[in-house]
Amino acid sequence: MARIAGVNIPNQKRVPIGLTYIHGIGRTKALEICTRVGIPTERRVHEMTDDEVLRVREVIDREYTVEGDLRRSVAMNIKRLMDLGCYRGLRHRRGLPVRGQRTHTNARTRKGPARPIAGKKK
């Protein structure tokens, strides 16, 4: 099992799909990494040589922000918005949708399960 950026990549997956298990690498970046390193997209992770794994690891370390560093920077950006007290920061603080979605109905993912209101019958 290949270990890249602190993540175990599944052996039976194709290399571009396996790379997407790393937080911060999606399909496009995974394909870009494969072409840069020279790995065919049909190759499976368990078929990679140690040299190829090492080259992939070096490319990711050198050019991409992934895993812990990415999570930390996103959390710091959200914390900065909350400290500023701007509108987006207030929405984060209250646990409401940040990007202008309606909240009269829907928004249950951000707001949590519906709570009954006492005495409301209609």
C-alpha atoms as a PDB file:
ATOM      1  CA  MET A   1       0.000   0.000   0.000  1.00  0.00           C
ATOM      2  CA  ALA A   2       1.477   3.337  -1.085  1.00  0.00           C
ATOM      3  CA  ARG A   3       1.613   6.056   1.549  1.00  0.00           C
ATOM      4  CA  ILE A   4       1.655   9.587   0.147  1.00  0.00           C
ATOM      5  CA  ALA A   5       1.235  12.789   2.218  1.00  0.00           C
ATOM      6  CA  GLY A   6       0.323  10.717   5.273  1.00  0.00           C
ATOM      7  CA  VAL A   7      -2.548   8.911   3.511  1.00  0.00           C
ATOM      8  CA  ASN A   8      -2.696   5.218   2.608  1.00  0.00           C
ATOM      9  CA  ILE A   9      -3.675   4.957  -1.053  1.00  0.00           C
ATOM     10  CA  PRO A  10      -5.849   1.882  -1.863  1.00  0.00           C
ATOM     11  CA  ASN A  11      -3.960  -0.707  -3.950  1.00  0.00           C
ATOM     12  CA  GLN A  12      -6.681  -1.787  -6.372  1.00  0.00           C
ATOM     13  CA  LYS A  13      -7.634   1.707  -7.564  1.00  0.00           C
ATOM     14  CA  ARG A  14      -6.223   3.376 -10.657  1.00  0.00           C
ATOM     15  CA  VAL A  15      -3.527   5.902  -9.771  1.00  0.00           C
ATOM     16  CA  PRO A  16      -5.531   9.117 -10.531  1.00  0.00           C
ATOM     17  CA  ILE A  17      -8.470   7.826  -8.477  1.00  0.00           C
ATOM     18  CA  GLY A  18      -6.205   6.739  -5.630  1.00  0.00           C
ATOM     19  CA  LEU A  19      -4.572  10.173  -5.448  1.00  0.00           C
ATOM     20  CA  THR A  20      -7.976  11.760  -4.834  1.00  0.00           C
ATOM     21  CA  TYR A  21      -7.974  10.118  -1.381  1.00  0.00           C
ATOM     22  CA  ILE A  22      -5.527  12.874  -0.389  1.00  0.00           C
ATOM     23  CA  HIS A  23      -7.363  15.932   0.963  1.00  0.00           C
ATOM     24  CA  GLY A  24      -6.765  18.799  -1.468  1.00  0.00           C
ATOM     25  CA  ILE A  25      -6.260  16.687  -4.609  1.00  0.00           C
ATOM     26  CA  GLY A  26      -9.229  16.185  -6.909  1.00  0.00           C
ATOM     27  CA  ARG A  27      -9.584  14.489 -10.272  1.00  0.00           C
ATOM     28  CA  THR A  28      -7.996  17.319 -12.283  1.00  0.00           C
ATOM     29  CA  LYS A  29      -4.926  17.698 -10.056  1.00  0.00           C
ATOM     30  CA  ALA A  30      -4.511  13.910  -9.882  1.00  0.00           C
ATOM     31  CA  LEU A  31      -4.465  13.645 -13.691  1.00  0.00           C
ATOM     32  CA  GLU A  32      -2.033  16.569 -13.860  1.00  0.00           C
ATOM     33  CA  ILE A  33       0.314  14.866 -11.380  1.00  0.00           C
ATOM     34  CA  CYS A  34       0.177  11.603 -13.361  1.00  0.00           C
ATOM     35  CA  THR A  35       1.054  13.300 -16.648  1.00  0.00           C
ATOM     36  CA  ARG A  36       3.851  15.296 -15.014  1.00  0.00           C
ATOM     37  CA  VAL A  37       5.405  12.196 -13.433  1.00  0.00           C
ATOM     38  CA  GLY A  38       4.791  10.089 -16.545  1.00  0.00           C
ATOM     39  CA  ILE A  39       2.455   7.452 -15.111  1.00  0.00           C
ATOM     40  CA  PRO A  40      -0.204   6.047 -17.482  1.00  0.00           C
ATOM     41  CA  THR A  41      -3.697   6.697 -16.146  1.00  0.00           C
ATOM     42  CA  GLU A  42      -4.681   3.018 -16.555  1.00  0.00           C
ATOM     43  CA  ARG A  43      -2.000   1.809 -14.121  1.00  0.00           C
ATOM     44  CA  ARG A  44      -3.093   0.574 -10.700  1.00  0.00           C
ATOM     45  CA  VAL A  45      -1.509   1.765  -7.459  1.00  0.00           C
ATOM     46  CA  HIS A  46      -0.024  -1.659  -6.630  1.00  0.00           C
ATOM     47  CA  GLU A  47       1.721  -1.686 -10.045  1.00  0.00           C
ATOM     48  CA  MET A  48       3.661   1.537  -9.307  1.00  0.00           C
ATOM     49  CA  THR A  49       7.395   1.233  -8.723  1.00  0.00           C
ATOM     50  CA  ASP A  50       9.059   2.733  -5.647  1.00  0.00           C
ATOM     51  CA  ASP A  51      10.670   5.353  -7.890  1.00  0.00           C
ATOM     52  CA  GLU A  52       7.283   6.463  -9.254  1.00  0.00           C
ATOM     53  CA  VAL A  53       5.801   6.673  -5.754  1.00  0.00           C
ATOM     54  CA  LEU A  54       8.791   8.771  -4.687  1.00  0.00           C
ATOM     55  CA  ARG A  55       8.391  11.125  -7.685  1.00  0.00           C
ATOM     56  CA  VAL A  56       4.649  11.549  -7.009  1.00  0.00           C
ATOM     57  CA  ARG A  57       5.396  12.281  -3.339  1.00  0.00           C
ATOM     58  CA  GLU A  58       7.997  14.904  -4.304  1.00  0.00           C
ATOM     59  CA  VAL A  59       5.665  16.646  -6.783  1.00  0.00           C
ATOM     60  CA  ILE A  60       2.870  16.820  -4.209  1.00  0.00           C
ATOM     61  CA  ASP A  61       5.183  18.098  -1.458  1.00  0.00           C
ATOM     62  CA  ARG A  62       6.737  20.714  -3.732  1.00  0.00           C
ATOM     63  CA  GLU A  63       3.725  22.133  -5.548  1.00  0.00           C
ATOM     64  CA  TYR A  64       0.491  21.490  -3.655  1.00  0.00           C
ATOM     65  CA  THR A  65      -0.951  22.360  -0.272  1.00  0.00           C
ATOM     66  CA  VAL A  66      -2.577  19.179   1.027  1.00  0.00           C
ATOM     67  CA  GLU A  67      -3.910  17.441   4.164  1.00  0.00           C
ATOM     68  CA  GLY A  68      -3.002  19.158   7.464  1.00  0.00           C
ATOM     69  CA  ASP A  69      -1.623  22.376   5.985  1.00  0.00           C
ATOM     70  CA  LEU A  70      -4.699  22.842   3.786  1.00  0.00           C
ATOM     71  CA  ARG A  71      -7.123  22.117   6.640  1.00  0.00           C
ATOM     72  CA  ARG A  72      -5.219  24.540   8.878  1.00  0.00           C
ATOM     73  CA  SER A  73      -5.238  27.335   6.298  1.00  0.00           C
ATOM     74  CA  VAL A  74      -8.982  26.907   5.620  1.00  0.00           C
ATOM     75  CA  ALA A  75      -9.711  26.963   9.370  1.00  0.00           C
ATOM     76  CA  MET A  76      -7.573  30.096   9.783  1.00  0.00           C
ATOM     77  CA  ASN A  77      -9.413  31.822   6.912  1.00  0.00           C
ATOM     78  CA  ILE A  78     -12.776  31.061   8.534  1.00  0.00           C
ATOM     79  CA  LYS A  79     -11.478  32.186  11.949  1.00  0.00           C
ATOM     80  CA  ARG A  80     -10.240  35.453  10.388  1.00  0.00           C
ATOM     81  CA  LEU A  81     -13.698  36.137   8.943  1.00  0.00           C
ATOM     82  CA  MET A  82     -15.299  35.430  12.324  1.00  0.00           C
ATOM     83  CA  ASP A  83     -12.841  37.717  14.151  1.00  0.00           C
ATOM     84  CA  LEU A  84     -13.461  40.534  11.670  1.00  0.00           C
ATOM     85  CA  GLY A  85     -17.176  40.300  12.345  1.00  0.00           C
ATOM     86  CA  CYS A  86     -18.030  40.545   8.665  1.00  0.00           C
ATOM     87  CA  TYR A  87     -21.265  39.096   7.313  1.00  0.00           C
ATOM     88  CA  ARG A  88     -19.674  35.805   6.213  1.00  0.00           C
ATOM     89  CA  GLY A  89     -18.014  35.466   9.609  1.00  0.00           C
ATOM     90  CA  LEU A  90     -21.325  35.979  11.402  1.00  0.00           C
ATOM     91  CA  ARG A  91     -22.961  33.309   9.235  1.00  0.00           C
ATOM     92  CA  HIS A  92     -20.155  30.883  10.114  1.00  0.00           C
ATOM     93  CA  ARG A  93     -20.497  31.736  13.799  1.00  0.00           C
ATOM     94  CA  ARG A  94     -24.264  31.108  13.775  1.00  0.00           C
ATOM     95  CA  GLY A  95     -23.972  27.920  11.724  1.00  0.00           C
ATOM     96  CA  LEU A  96     -26.102  29.232   8.857  1.00  0.00           C
ATOM     97  CA  PRO A  97     -25.470  29.056   5.087  1.00  0.00           C
ATOM     98  CA  VAL A  98     -22.698  31.440   4.083  1.00  0.00           C
ATOM     99  CA  ARG A  99     -23.183  31.833   0.338  1.00  0.00           C
ATOM    100  CA  GLY A 100     -26.619  33.403   0.077  1.00  0.00           C
ATOM    101  CA  GLN A 101     -28.842  30.321   0.085  1.00  0.00           C
ATOM    102  CA  ARG A 102     -32.397  30.605   1.360  1.00  0.00           C
ATOM    103  CA  THR A 103     -33.049  29.578   4.967  1.00  0.00           C
ATOM    104  CA  HIS A 104     -36.834  29.889   5.244  1.00  0.00           C
ATOM    105  CA  THR A 105     -37.075  26.344   3.963  1.00  0.00           C
ATOM    106  CA  ASN A 106     -34.198  23.942   3.352  1.00  0.00           C
ATOM    107  CA  ALA A 107     -30.694  24.646   4.774  1.00  0.00           C
ATOM    108  CA  ARG A 108     -31.109  21.620   7.060  1.00  0.00           C
ATOM    109  CA  THR A 109     -27.529  20.517   6.539  1.00  0.00           C
ATOM    110  CA  ARG A 110     -26.199  23.698   8.146  1.00  0.00           C
ATOM    111  CA  LYS A 111     -29.007  24.301  10.657  1.00  0.00           C
ATOM    112  CA  GLY A 112     -29.318  20.715  11.911  1.00  0.00           C
ATOM    113  CA  PRO A 113     -32.540  18.780  12.455  1.00  0.00           C
ATOM    114  CA  ALA A 114     -35.759  20.765  12.708  1.00  0.00           C
ATOM    115  CA  ARG A 115     -36.745  21.635  16.285  1.00  0.00           C
ATOM    116  CA  PRO A 116     -40.456  21.825  17.075  1.00  0.00           C
ATOM    117  CA  ILE A 117     -41.795  25.168  18.270  1.00  0.00           C
ATOM    118  CA  ALA A 118     -44.111  24.931  21.282  1.00  0.00           C
ATOM    119  CA  GLY A 119     -47.699  26.003  20.626  1.00  0.00           C
ATOM    120  CA  LYS A 120     -47.339  26.380  16.874  1.00  0.00           C
ATOM    121  CA  LYS A 121     -50.258  24.757  15.052  1.00  0.00           C
ATOM    122  CA  LYS A 122     -51.407  25.587  11.590  1.00  0.00           C
END
